[in-house]
Amino acid sequence: MASVDECRQALQELAARLEQHAEMQGRIDLDRTLACRITDLDTAFHGRLEGGRLVDLTDGDDPQAKIALSTTSDDLVALVNGQLDMAKAVTGRRVSIKANPFDLMKLRKML
């Protein structure tokens, strides 16, 4: 089981990758609140997606988040490290993403 600090680091790495992607691919019209819930650690992080970037990442949950991702600590780290495919993780129910269908299509462009 990964620690809270390892999950925080993984999300910061994801934010850095999304920043690079946004610089190369251009702005994606997606401005939504985001919550990432780590089920096995009973913890959460939240931030905002703005123009294809993950900003204002901080500890704690946002129950009103427009996009909510739930997964275990190990699966989060594996996703960010490229060891777990997002589509397979979602279809295998290792990751749950709650968002409207239009936001999901935009998220695919970001990843």
PDB file of N, CA and C in Angstrom:
ATOM      1  N   MET A   1       0.849  -1.168   0.000  1.00  0.00           N
ATOM      2  CA  MET A   1       0.000   0.000   0.000  1.00  0.00           C
ATOM      3  C   MET A   1       0.903   1.243   0.000  1.00  0.00           C
ATOM      4  N   ALA A   2       0.620   2.149  -0.923  1.00  0.00           N
ATOM      5  CA  ALA A   2       1.373   3.396  -0.998  1.00  0.00           C
ATOM      6  C   ALA A   2       0.934   4.321   0.131  1.00  0.00           C
ATOM      7  N   SER A   3       1.816   5.218   0.530  1.00  0.00           N
ATOM      8  CA  SER A   3       1.510   6.151   1.607  1.00  0.00           C
ATOM      9  C   SER A   3       0.793   7.393   1.066  1.00  0.00           C
ATOM     10  N   VAL A   4       0.283   8.201   1.980  1.00  0.00           N
ATOM     11  CA  VAL A   4      -0.362   9.456   1.596  1.00  0.00           C
ATOM     12  C   VAL A   4       0.651  10.351   0.868  1.00  0.00           C
ATOM     13  N   ASP A   5       1.881  10.385   1.362  1.00  0.00           N
ATOM     14  CA  ASP A   5       2.914  11.206   0.715  1.00  0.00           C
ATOM     15  C   ASP A   5       3.218  10.721  -0.704  1.00  0.00           C
ATOM     16  N   GLU A   6       3.233   9.408  -0.906  1.00  0.00           N
ATOM     17  CA  GLU A   6       3.463   8.870  -2.250  1.00  0.00           C
ATOM     18  C   GLU A   6       2.313   9.222  -3.182  1.00  0.00           C
ATOM     19  N   CYS A   7       1.096   9.212  -2.668  1.00  0.00           N
ATOM     20  CA  CYS A   7      -0.065   9.610  -3.481  1.00  0.00           C
ATOM     21  C   CYS A   7       0.013  11.094  -3.823  1.00  0.00           C
ATOM     22  N   ARG A   8       0.370  11.917  -2.843  1.00  0.00           N
ATOM     23  CA  ARG A   8       0.505  13.348  -3.076  1.00  0.00           C
ATOM     24  C   ARG A   8       1.571  13.601  -4.152  1.00  0.00           C
ATOM     25  N   GLN A   9       2.695  12.906  -4.047  1.00  0.00           N
ATOM     26  CA  GLN A   9       3.770  13.047  -5.027  1.00  0.00           C
ATOM     27  C   GLN A   9       3.308  12.602  -6.416  1.00  0.00           C
ATOM     28  N   ALA A  10       2.556  11.514  -6.479  1.00  0.00           N
ATOM     29  CA  ALA A  10       2.050  11.032  -7.767  1.00  0.00           C
ATOM     30  C   ALA A  10       1.143  12.079  -8.410  1.00  0.00           C
ATOM     31  N   LEU A  11       0.280  12.703  -7.627  1.00  0.00           N
ATOM     32  CA  LEU A  11      -0.605  13.737  -8.172  1.00  0.00           C
ATOM     33  C   LEU A  11       0.172  14.972  -8.607  1.00  0.00           C
ATOM     34  N   GLN A  12       1.240  15.301  -7.893  1.00  0.00           N
ATOM     35  CA  GLN A  12       2.077  16.425  -8.304  1.00  0.00           C
ATOM     36  C   GLN A  12       2.805  16.109  -9.613  1.00  0.00           C
ATOM     37  N   GLU A  13       3.229  14.862  -9.777  1.00  0.00           N
ATOM     38  CA  GLU A  13       3.847  14.442 -11.037  1.00  0.00           C
ATOM     39  C   GLU A  13       2.834  14.507 -12.175  1.00  0.00           C
ATOM     40  N   LEU A  14       1.605  14.092 -11.897  1.00  0.00           N
ATOM     41  CA  LEU A  14       0.549  14.178 -12.905  1.00  0.00           C
ATOM     42  C   LEU A  14       0.301  15.630 -13.289  1.00  0.00           C
ATOM     43  N   ALA A  15       0.270  16.513 -12.312  1.00  0.00           N
ATOM     44  CA  ALA A  15       0.069  17.942 -12.589  1.00  0.00           C
ATOM     45  C   ALA A  15       1.188  18.482 -13.482  1.00  0.00           C
ATOM     46  N   ALA A  16       2.424  18.080 -13.215  1.00  0.00           N
ATOM     47  CA  ALA A  16       3.554  18.525 -14.034  1.00  0.00           C
ATOM     48  C   ALA A  16       3.440  17.992 -15.464  1.00  0.00           C
ATOM     49  N   ARG A  17       3.025  16.742 -15.604  1.00  0.00           N
ATOM     50  CA  ARG A  17       2.840  16.161 -16.936  1.00  0.00           C
ATOM     51  C   ARG A  17       1.730  16.856 -17.709  1.00  0.00           C
ATOM     52  N   LEU A  18       0.628  17.151 -17.037  1.00  0.00           N
ATOM     53  CA  LEU A  18      -0.479  17.857 -17.687  1.00  0.00           C
ATOM     54  C   LEU A  18      -0.059  19.258 -18.102  1.00  0.00           C
ATOM     55  N   GLU A  19       0.782  19.889 -17.311  1.00  0.00           N
ATOM     56  CA  GLU A  19       1.304  21.211 -17.656  1.00  0.00           C
ATOM     57  C   GLU A  19       2.118  21.140 -18.953  1.00  0.00           C
ATOM     58  N   GLN A  20       3.001  20.150 -19.059  1.00  0.00           N
ATOM     59  CA  GLN A  20       3.802  19.970 -20.276  1.00  0.00           C
ATOM     60  C   GLN A  20       2.907  19.666 -21.466  1.00  0.00           C
ATOM     61  N   HIS A  21       1.920  18.817 -21.267  1.00  0.00           N
ATOM     62  CA  HIS A  21       1.005  18.456 -22.347  1.00  0.00           C
ATOM     63  C   HIS A  21       0.232  19.682 -22.824  1.00  0.00           C
ATOM     64  N   ALA A  22      -0.218  20.502 -21.886  1.00  0.00           N
ATOM     65  CA  ALA A  22      -0.980  21.704 -22.239  1.00  0.00           C
ATOM     66  C   ALA A  22      -0.112  22.686 -23.027  1.00  0.00           C
ATOM     67  N   GLU A  23       1.155  22.781 -22.678  1.00  0.00           N
ATOM     68  CA  GLU A  23       2.066  23.675 -23.401  1.00  0.00           C
ATOM     69  C   GLU A  23       2.289  23.199 -24.827  1.00  0.00           C
ATOM     70  N   MET A  24       2.381  21.889 -25.007  1.00  0.00           N
ATOM     71  CA  MET A  24       2.642  21.343 -26.340  1.00  0.00           C
ATOM     72  C   MET A  24       1.378  21.281 -27.196  1.00  0.00           C
ATOM     73  N   GLN A  25       0.255  20.892 -26.611  1.00  0.00           N
ATOM     74  CA  GLN A  25      -0.966  20.662 -27.373  1.00  0.00           C
ATOM     75  C   GLN A  25      -1.907  21.856 -27.416  1.00  0.00           C
ATOM     76  N   GLY A  26      -1.683  22.827 -26.554  1.00  0.00           N
ATOM     77  CA  GLY A  26      -2.576  23.973 -26.503  1.00  0.00           C
ATOM     78  C   GLY A  26      -3.647  23.794 -25.446  1.00  0.00           C
ATOM     79  N   ARG A  27      -4.374  24.834 -25.246  1.00  0.00           N
ATOM     80  CA  ARG A  27      -5.396  24.888 -24.190  1.00  0.00           C
ATOM     81  C   ARG A  27      -6.576  23.971 -24.514  1.00  0.00           C
ATOM     82  N   ILE A  28      -7.021  23.238 -23.502  1.00  0.00           N
ATOM     83  CA  ILE A  28      -8.220  22.414 -23.602  1.00  0.00           C
ATOM     84  C   ILE A  28      -9.301  23.112 -22.785  1.00  0.00           C
ATOM     85  N   ASP A  29     -10.437  23.295 -23.378  1.00  0.00           N
ATOM     86  CA  ASP A  29     -11.527  24.010 -22.719  1.00  0.00           C
ATOM     87  C   ASP A  29     -12.174  23.121 -21.665  1.00  0.00           C
ATOM     88  N   LEU A  30     -11.555  23.085 -20.501  1.00  0.00           N
ATOM     89  CA  LEU A  30     -12.070  22.285 -19.397  1.00  0.00           C
ATOM     90  C   LEU A  30     -11.723  22.997 -18.100  1.00  0.00           C
ATOM     91  N   ASP A  31     -12.704  23.538 -17.441  1.00  0.00           N
ATOM     92  CA  ASP A  31     -12.516  24.248 -16.179  1.00  0.00           C
ATOM     93  C   ASP A  31     -13.473  23.637 -15.168  1.00  0.00           C
ATOM     94  N   ARG A  32     -12.959  22.696 -14.387  1.00  0.00           N
ATOM     95  CA  ARG A  32     -13.806  21.963 -13.448  1.00  0.00           C
ATOM     96  C   ARG A  32     -13.046  21.701 -12.147  1.00  0.00           C
ATOM     97  N   THR A  33     -13.811  21.567 -11.068  1.00  0.00           N
ATOM     98  CA  THR A  33     -13.219  21.125  -9.809  1.00  0.00           C
ATOM     99  C   THR A  33     -12.997  19.617  -9.888  1.00  0.00           C
ATOM    100  N   LEU A  34     -11.969  19.156  -9.188  1.00  0.00           N
ATOM    101  CA  LEU A  34     -11.570  17.748  -9.243  1.00  0.00           C
ATOM    102  C   LEU A  34     -11.288  17.249  -7.839  1.00  0.00           C
ATOM    103  N   ALA A  35     -11.785  16.068  -7.528  1.00  0.00           N
ATOM    104  CA  ALA A  35     -11.473  15.394  -6.271  1.00  0.00           C
ATOM    105  C   ALA A  35     -10.886  14.033  -6.587  1.00  0.00           C
ATOM    106  N   CYS A  36      -9.853  13.668  -5.862  1.00  0.00           N
ATOM    107  CA  CYS A  36      -9.246  12.347  -5.996  1.00  0.00           C
ATOM    108  C   CYS A  36      -9.315  11.682  -4.628  1.00  0.00           C
ATOM    109  N   ARG A  37     -10.125  10.645  -4.551  1.00  0.00           N
ATOM    110  CA  ARG A  37     -10.355   9.954  -3.277  1.00  0.00           C
ATOM    111  C   ARG A  37      -9.573   8.646  -3.253  1.00  0.00           C
ATOM    112  N   ILE A  38      -8.751   8.495  -2.229  1.00  0.00           N
ATOM    113  CA  ILE A  38      -7.913   7.308  -2.069  1.00  0.00           C
ATOM    114  C   ILE A  38      -8.617   6.402  -1.062  1.00  0.00           C
ATOM    115  N   THR A  39      -9.235   5.349  -1.579  1.00  0.00           N
ATOM    116  CA  THR A  39     -10.150   4.546  -0.771  1.00  0.00           C
ATOM    117  C   THR A  39      -9.463   3.765   0.350  1.00  0.00           C
ATOM    118  N   ASP A  40      -8.289   3.203   0.106  1.00  0.00           N
ATOM    119  CA  ASP A  40      -7.654   2.374   1.131  1.00  0.00           C
ATOM    120  C   ASP A  40      -6.956   3.197   2.211  1.00  0.00           C
ATOM    121  N   LEU A  41      -6.723   4.471   1.966  1.00  0.00           N
ATOM    122  CA  LEU A  41      -6.092   5.335   2.967  1.00  0.00           C
ATOM    123  C   LEU A  41      -7.099   6.270   3.632  1.00  0.00           C
ATOM    124  N   ASP A  42      -8.344   6.221   3.166  1.00  0.00           N
ATOM    125  CA  ASP A  42      -9.392   7.095   3.684  1.00  0.00           C
ATOM    126  C   ASP A  42      -8.940   8.559   3.684  1.00  0.00           C
ATOM    127  N   THR A  43      -8.391   8.971   2.538  1.00  0.00           N
ATOM    128  CA  THR A  43      -7.931  10.346   2.369  1.00  0.00           C
ATOM    129  C   THR A  43      -8.315  10.832   0.984  1.00  0.00           C
ATOM    130  N   ALA A  44      -8.149  12.116   0.770  1.00  0.00           N
ATOM    131  CA  ALA A  44      -8.513  12.682  -0.531  1.00  0.00           C
ATOM    132  C   ALA A  44      -7.676  13.921  -0.800  1.00  0.00           C
ATOM    133  N   PHE A  45      -7.661  14.298  -2.065  1.00  0.00           N
ATOM    134  CA  PHE A  45      -7.012  15.516  -2.531  1.00  0.00           C
ATOM    135  C   PHE A  45      -8.000  16.203  -3.461  1.00  0.00           C
ATOM    136  N   HIS A  46      -7.850  17.503  -3.600  1.00  0.00           N
ATOM    137  CA  HIS A  46      -8.710  18.206  -4.546  1.00  0.00           C
ATOM    138  C   HIS A  46      -7.955  19.368  -5.174  1.00  0.00           C
ATOM    139  N   GLY A  47      -8.454  19.771  -6.322  1.00  0.00           N
ATOM    140  CA  GLY A  47      -7.867  20.881  -7.063  1.00  0.00           C
ATOM    141  C   GLY A  47      -8.803  21.284  -8.179  1.00  0.00           C
ATOM    142  N   ARG A  48      -8.239  21.941  -9.189  1.00  0.00           N
ATOM    143  CA  ARG A  48      -9.033  22.388 -10.343  1.00  0.00           C
ATOM    144  C   ARG A  48      -8.304  22.006 -11.625  1.00  0.00           C
ATOM    145  N   LEU A  49      -9.088  21.654 -12.607  1.00  0.00           N
ATOM    146  CA  LEU A  49      -8.579  21.503 -13.960  1.00  0.00           C
ATOM    147  C   LEU A  49      -8.910  22.808 -14.676  1.00  0.00           C
ATOM    148  N   GLU A  50      -7.897  23.470 -15.178  1.00  0.00           N
ATOM    149  CA  GLU A  50      -8.082  24.727 -15.901  1.00  0.00           C
ATOM    150  C   GLU A  50      -7.260  24.672 -17.186  1.00  0.00           C
ATOM    151  N   GLY A  51      -7.940  24.687 -18.306  1.00  0.00           N
ATOM    152  CA  GLY A  51      -7.243  24.703 -19.585  1.00  0.00           C
ATOM    153  C   GLY A  51      -6.281  23.551 -19.789  1.00  0.00           C
ATOM    154  N   GLY A  52      -6.626  22.381 -19.264  1.00  0.00           N
ATOM    155  CA  GLY A  52      -5.761  21.215 -19.420  1.00  0.00           C
ATOM    156  C   GLY A  52      -4.673  21.118 -18.371  1.00  0.00           C
ATOM    157  N   ARG A  53      -4.717  21.976 -17.378  1.00  0.00           N
ATOM    158  CA  ARG A  53      -3.734  21.970 -16.303  1.00  0.00           C
ATOM    159  C   ARG A  53      -4.415  21.619 -14.980  1.00  0.00           C
ATOM    160  N   LEU A  54      -3.688  20.936 -14.098  1.00  0.00           N
ATOM    161  CA  LEU A  54      -4.168  20.620 -12.764  1.00  0.00           C
ATOM    162  C   LEU A  54      -3.538  21.625 -11.815  1.00  0.00           C
ATOM    163  N   VAL A  55      -4.357  22.486 -11.216  1.00  0.00           N
ATOM    164  CA  VAL A  55      -3.843  23.564 -10.364  1.00  0.00           C
ATOM    165  C   VAL A  55      -4.496  23.514  -8.984  1.00  0.00           C
ATOM    166  N   ASP A  56      -3.889  24.226  -8.054  1.00  0.00           N
ATOM    167  CA  ASP A  56      -4.405  24.364  -6.690  1.00  0.00           C
ATOM    168  C   ASP A  56      -4.633  23.023  -6.014  1.00  0.00           C
ATOM    169  N   LEU A  57      -3.732  22.088  -6.232  1.00  0.00           N
ATOM    170  CA  LEU A  57      -3.844  20.751  -5.645  1.00  0.00           C
ATOM    171  C   LEU A  57      -3.546  20.823  -4.152  1.00  0.00           C
ATOM    172  N   THR A  58      -4.458  20.325  -3.350  1.00  0.00           N
ATOM    173  CA  THR A  58      -4.292  20.375  -1.901  1.00  0.00           C
ATOM    174  C   THR A  58      -4.940  19.160  -1.246  1.00  0.00           C
ATOM    175  N   ASP A  59      -4.623  18.947   0.003  1.00  0.00           N
ATOM    176  CA  ASP A  59      -5.203  17.834   0.757  1.00  0.00           C
ATOM    177  C   ASP A  59      -6.659  18.118   1.071  1.00  0.00           C
ATOM    178  N   GLY A  60      -7.437  17.062   1.208  1.00  0.00           N
ATOM    179  CA  GLY A  60      -8.833  17.166   1.595  1.00  0.00           C
ATOM    180  C   GLY A  60      -9.767  16.894   0.435  1.00  0.00           C
ATOM    181  N   ASP A  61     -10.984  16.561   0.770  1.00  0.00           N
ATOM    182  CA  ASP A  61     -11.993  16.223  -0.225  1.00  0.00           C
ATOM    183  C   ASP A  61     -12.777  17.462  -0.634  1.00  0.00           C
ATOM    184  N   ASP A  62     -13.386  17.392  -1.786  1.00  0.00           N
ATOM    185  CA  ASP A  62     -14.330  18.406  -2.246  1.00  0.00           C
ATOM    186  C   ASP A  62     -15.591  17.659  -2.668  1.00  0.00           C
ATOM    187  N   PRO A  63     -16.555  17.542  -1.772  1.00  0.00           N
ATOM    188  CA  PRO A  63     -17.764  16.785  -2.090  1.00  0.00           C
ATOM    189  C   PRO A  63     -18.549  17.351  -3.267  1.00  0.00           C
ATOM    190  N   GLN A  64     -18.336  18.616  -3.596  1.00  0.00           N
ATOM    191  CA  GLN A  64     -19.051  19.260  -4.696  1.00  0.00           C
ATOM    192  C   GLN A  64     -18.265  19.213  -6.012  1.00  0.00           C
ATOM    193  N   ALA A  65     -17.142  18.514  -6.046  1.00  0.00           N
ATOM    194  CA  ALA A  65     -16.300  18.465  -7.247  1.00  0.00           C
ATOM    195  C   ALA A  65     -17.087  17.945  -8.448  1.00  0.00           C
ATOM    196  N   LYS A  66     -16.892  18.573  -9.589  1.00  0.00           N
ATOM    197  CA  LYS A  66     -17.577  18.178 -10.817  1.00  0.00           C
ATOM    198  C   LYS A  66     -16.995  16.882 -11.384  1.00  0.00           C
ATOM    199  N   ILE A  67     -15.722  16.625 -11.102  1.00  0.00           N
ATOM    200  CA  ILE A  67     -15.071  15.387 -11.535  1.00  0.00           C
ATOM    201  C   ILE A  67     -14.502  14.720 -10.288  1.00  0.00           C
ATOM    202  N   ALA A  68     -14.849  13.458 -10.071  1.00  0.00           N
ATOM    203  CA  ALA A  68     -14.375  12.726  -8.899  1.00  0.00           C
ATOM    204  C   ALA A  68     -13.766  11.400  -9.335  1.00  0.00           C
ATOM    205  N   LEU A  69     -12.530  11.187  -8.906  1.00  0.00           N
ATOM    206  CA  LEU A  69     -11.817   9.948  -9.194  1.00  0.00           C
ATOM    207  C   LEU A  69     -11.633   9.213  -7.879  1.00  0.00           C
ATOM    208  N   SER A  70     -11.963   7.926  -7.850  1.00  0.00           N
ATOM    209  CA  SER A  70     -11.773   7.101  -6.652  1.00  0.00           C
ATOM    210  C   SER A  70     -10.955   5.890  -7.030  1.00  0.00           C
ATOM    211  N   THR A  71      -9.940   5.605  -6.225  1.00  0.00           N
ATOM    212  CA  THR A  71      -9.081   4.457  -6.478  1.00  0.00           C
ATOM    213  C   THR A  71      -8.273   4.144  -5.220  1.00  0.00           C
ATOM    214  N   THR A  72      -7.517   3.069  -5.265  1.00  0.00           N
ATOM    215  CA  THR A  72      -6.620   2.739  -4.156  1.00  0.00           C
ATOM    216  C   THR A  72      -5.299   3.473  -4.349  1.00  0.00           C
ATOM    217  N   SER A  73      -4.529   3.526  -3.291  1.00  0.00           N
ATOM    218  CA  SER A  73      -3.235   4.214  -3.351  1.00  0.00           C
ATOM    219  C   SER A  73      -2.298   3.560  -4.368  1.00  0.00           C
ATOM    220  N   ASP A  74      -2.226   2.250  -4.358  1.00  0.00           N
ATOM    221  CA  ASP A  74      -1.330   1.557  -5.294  1.00  0.00           C
ATOM    222  C   ASP A  74      -1.760   1.768  -6.745  1.00  0.00           C
ATOM    223  N   ASP A  75      -3.063   1.750  -7.002  1.00  0.00           N
ATOM    224  CA  ASP A  75      -3.532   1.957  -8.368  1.00  0.00           C
ATOM    225  C   ASP A  75      -3.281   3.390  -8.830  1.00  0.00           C
ATOM    226  N   LEU A  76      -3.408   4.370  -7.937  1.00  0.00           N
ATOM    227  CA  LEU A  76      -3.106   5.753  -8.310  1.00  0.00           C
ATOM    228  C   LEU A  76      -1.650   5.883  -8.722  1.00  0.00           C
ATOM    229  N   VAL A  77      -0.761   5.353  -7.919  1.00  0.00           N
ATOM    230  CA  VAL A  77       0.671   5.426  -8.227  1.00  0.00           C
ATOM    231  C   VAL A  77       0.971   4.690  -9.531  1.00  0.00           C
ATOM    232  N   ALA A  78       0.373   3.527  -9.722  1.00  0.00           N
ATOM    233  CA  ALA A  78       0.586   2.758 -10.957  1.00  0.00           C
ATOM    234  C   ALA A  78       0.059   3.514 -12.175  1.00  0.00           C
ATOM    235  N   LEU A  79      -1.089   4.169 -12.056  1.00  0.00           N
ATOM    236  CA  LEU A  79      -1.631   4.959 -13.167  1.00  0.00           C
ATOM    237  C   LEU A  79      -0.674   6.078 -13.563  1.00  0.00           C
ATOM    238  N   VAL A  80      -0.216   6.818 -12.580  1.00  0.00           N
ATOM    239  CA  VAL A  80       0.660   7.958 -12.864  1.00  0.00           C
ATOM    240  C   VAL A  80       2.002   7.489 -13.418  1.00  0.00           C
ATOM    241  N   ASN A  81       2.489   6.363 -12.941  1.00  0.00           N
ATOM    242  CA  ASN A  81       3.777   5.839 -13.426  1.00  0.00           C
ATOM    243  C   ASN A  81       3.671   5.103 -14.753  1.00  0.00           C
ATOM    244  N   GLY A  82       2.458   4.990 -15.293  1.00  0.00           N
ATOM    245  CA  GLY A  82       2.276   4.330 -16.574  1.00  0.00           C
ATOM    246  C   GLY A  82       2.251   2.815 -16.504  1.00  0.00           C
ATOM    247  N   GLN A  83       2.120   2.273 -15.320  1.00  0.00           N
ATOM    248  CA  GLN A  83       2.099   0.826 -15.152  1.00  0.00           C
ATOM    249  C   GLN A  83       0.685   0.251 -15.216  1.00  0.00           C
ATOM    250  N   LEU A  84      -0.314   1.127 -15.225  1.00  0.00           N
ATOM    251  CA  LEU A  84      -1.712   0.706 -15.284  1.00  0.00           C
ATOM    252  C   LEU A  84      -2.421   1.585 -16.304  1.00  0.00           C
ATOM    253  N   ASP A  85      -3.055   0.954 -17.269  1.00  0.00           N
ATOM    254  CA  ASP A  85      -3.776   1.668 -18.314  1.00  0.00           C
ATOM    255  C   ASP A  85      -5.109   2.181 -17.753  1.00  0.00           C
ATOM    256  N   MET A  86      -5.393   3.457 -18.002  1.00  0.00           N
ATOM    257  CA  MET A  86      -6.603   4.071 -17.456  1.00  0.00           C
ATOM    258  C   MET A  86      -7.863   3.364 -17.940  1.00  0.00           C
ATOM    259  N   ALA A  87      -7.961   3.084 -19.231  1.00  0.00           N
ATOM    260  CA  ALA A  87      -9.164   2.436 -19.762  1.00  0.00           C
ATOM    261  C   ALA A  87      -9.374   1.063 -19.118  1.00  0.00           C
ATOM    262  N   LYS A  88      -8.305   0.291 -18.990  1.00  0.00           N
ATOM    263  CA  LYS A  88      -8.419  -1.024 -18.364  1.00  0.00           C
ATOM    264  C   LYS A  88      -8.757  -0.907 -16.880  1.00  0.00           C
ATOM    265  N   ALA A  89      -8.211   0.106 -16.227  1.00  0.00           N
ATOM    266  CA  ALA A  89      -8.485   0.304 -14.808  1.00  0.00           C
ATOM    267  C   ALA A  89      -9.959   0.660 -14.585  1.00  0.00           C
ATOM    268  N   VAL A  90     -10.509   1.485 -15.468  1.00  0.00           N
ATOM    269  CA  VAL A  90     -11.917   1.869 -15.334  1.00  0.00           C
ATOM    270  C   VAL A  90     -12.825   0.684 -15.644  1.00  0.00           C
ATOM    271  N   THR A  91     -12.557  -0.020 -16.742  1.00  0.00           N
ATOM    272  CA  THR A  91     -13.413  -1.160 -17.090  1.00  0.00           C
ATOM    273  C   THR A  91     -13.260  -2.300 -16.087  1.00  0.00           C
ATOM    274  N   GLY A  92     -12.099  -2.420 -15.469  1.00  0.00           N
ATOM    275  CA  GLY A  92     -11.881  -3.440 -14.447  1.00  0.00           C
ATOM    276  C   GLY A  92     -12.318  -2.994 -13.060  1.00  0.00           C
ATOM    277  N   ARG A  93     -12.904  -1.810 -12.974  1.00  0.00           N
ATOM    278  CA  ARG A  93     -13.425  -1.235 -11.732  1.00  0.00           C
ATOM    279  C   ARG A  93     -12.363  -1.018 -10.668  1.00  0.00           C
ATOM    280  N   ARG A  94     -11.140  -0.818 -11.111  1.00  0.00           N
ATOM    281  CA  ARG A  94     -10.079  -0.457 -10.176  1.00  0.00           C
ATOM    282  C   ARG A  94     -10.056   1.050  -9.963  1.00  0.00           C
ATOM    283  N   VAL A  95     -10.639   1.767 -10.912  1.00  0.00           N
ATOM    284  CA  VAL A  95     -10.754   3.226 -10.835  1.00  0.00           C
ATOM    285  C   VAL A  95     -12.189   3.597 -11.179  1.00  0.00           C
ATOM    286  N   SER A  96     -12.736   4.514 -10.420  1.00  0.00           N
ATOM    287  CA  SER A  96     -14.067   5.031 -10.698  1.00  0.00           C
ATOM    288  C   SER A  96     -13.944   6.526 -10.986  1.00  0.00           C
ATOM    289  N   ILE A  97     -14.536   6.952 -12.098  1.00  0.00           N
ATOM    290  CA  ILE A  97     -14.539   8.368 -12.442  1.00  0.00           C
ATOM    291  C   ILE A  97     -15.990   8.810 -12.593  1.00  0.00           C
ATOM    292  N   LYS A  98     -16.360   9.811 -11.824  1.00  0.00           N
ATOM    293  CA  LYS A  98     -17.697  10.378 -11.924  1.00  0.00           C
ATOM    294  C   LYS A  98     -17.570  11.757 -12.548  1.00  0.00           C
ATOM    295  N   ALA A  99     -18.140  11.891 -13.736  1.00  0.00           N
ATOM    296  CA  ALA A  99     -18.115  13.158 -14.467  1.00  0.00           C
ATOM    297  C   ALA A  99     -19.163  13.073 -15.558  1.00  0.00           C
ATOM    298  N   ASN A 100     -19.545  14.223 -16.096  1.00  0.00           N
ATOM    299  CA  ASN A 100     -20.511  14.151 -17.190  1.00  0.00           C
ATOM    300  C   ASN A 100     -19.788  13.643 -18.446  1.00  0.00           C
ATOM    301  N   PRO A 101     -20.501  13.072 -19.393  1.00  0.00           N
ATOM    302  CA  PRO A 101     -19.883  12.461 -20.570  1.00  0.00           C
ATOM    303  C   PRO A 101     -19.013  13.429 -21.388  1.00  0.00           C
ATOM    304  N   PHE A 102     -19.410  14.687 -21.467  1.00  0.00           N
ATOM    305  CA  PHE A 102     -18.611  15.655 -22.228  1.00  0.00           C
ATOM    306  C   PHE A 102     -17.271  15.909 -21.549  1.00  0.00           C
ATOM    307  N   ASP A 103     -17.268  15.959 -20.215  1.00  0.00           N
ATOM    308  CA  ASP A 103     -16.014  16.132 -19.485  1.00  0.00           C
ATOM    309  C   ASP A 103     -15.113  14.910 -19.650  1.00  0.00           C
ATOM    310  N   LEU A 104     -15.716  13.722 -19.671  1.00  0.00           N
ATOM    311  CA  LEU A 104     -14.921  12.504 -19.863  1.00  0.00           C
ATOM    312  C   LEU A 104     -14.211  12.518 -21.221  1.00  0.00           C
ATOM    313  N   MET A 105     -14.898  13.001 -22.256  1.00  0.00           N
ATOM    314  CA  MET A 105     -14.261  13.075 -23.579  1.00  0.00           C
ATOM    315  C   MET A 105     -13.095  14.056 -23.558  1.00  0.00           C
ATOM    316  N   LYS A 106     -13.248  15.168 -22.869  1.00  0.00           N
ATOM    317  CA  LYS A 106     -12.163  16.139 -22.774  1.00  0.00           C
ATOM    318  C   LYS A 106     -11.005  15.594 -21.951  1.00  0.00           C
ATOM    319  N   LEU A 107     -11.310  14.835 -20.902  1.00  0.00           N
ATOM    320  CA  LEU A 107     -10.264  14.233 -20.093  1.00  0.00           C
ATOM    321  C   LEU A 107      -9.410  13.274 -20.917  1.00  0.00           C
ATOM    322  N   ARG A 108     -10.046  12.539 -21.825  1.00  0.00           N
ATOM    323  CA  ARG A 108      -9.297  11.616 -22.691  1.00  0.00           C
ATOM    324  C   ARG A 108      -8.249  12.350 -23.506  1.00  0.00           C
ATOM    325  N   LYS A 109      -8.577  13.566 -23.974  1.00  0.00           N
ATOM    326  CA  LYS A 109      -7.621  14.354 -24.749  1.00  0.00           C
ATOM    327  C   LYS A 109      -6.423  14.754 -23.895  1.00  0.00           C
ATOM    328  N   MET A 110      -6.657  14.964 -22.618  1.00  0.00           N
ATOM    329  CA  MET A 110      -5.587  15.402 -21.724  1.00  0.00           C
ATOM    330  C   MET A 110      -4.618  14.281 -21.396  1.00  0.00           C
ATOM    331  N   LEU A 111      -5.112  13.064 -21.355  1.00  0.00           N
ATOM    332  CA  LEU A 111      -4.289  11.934 -20.928  1.00  0.00           C
ATOM    333  C   LEU A 111      -3.788  11.196 -22.100  1.00  0.00           C
TER     334      LEU A 111
END
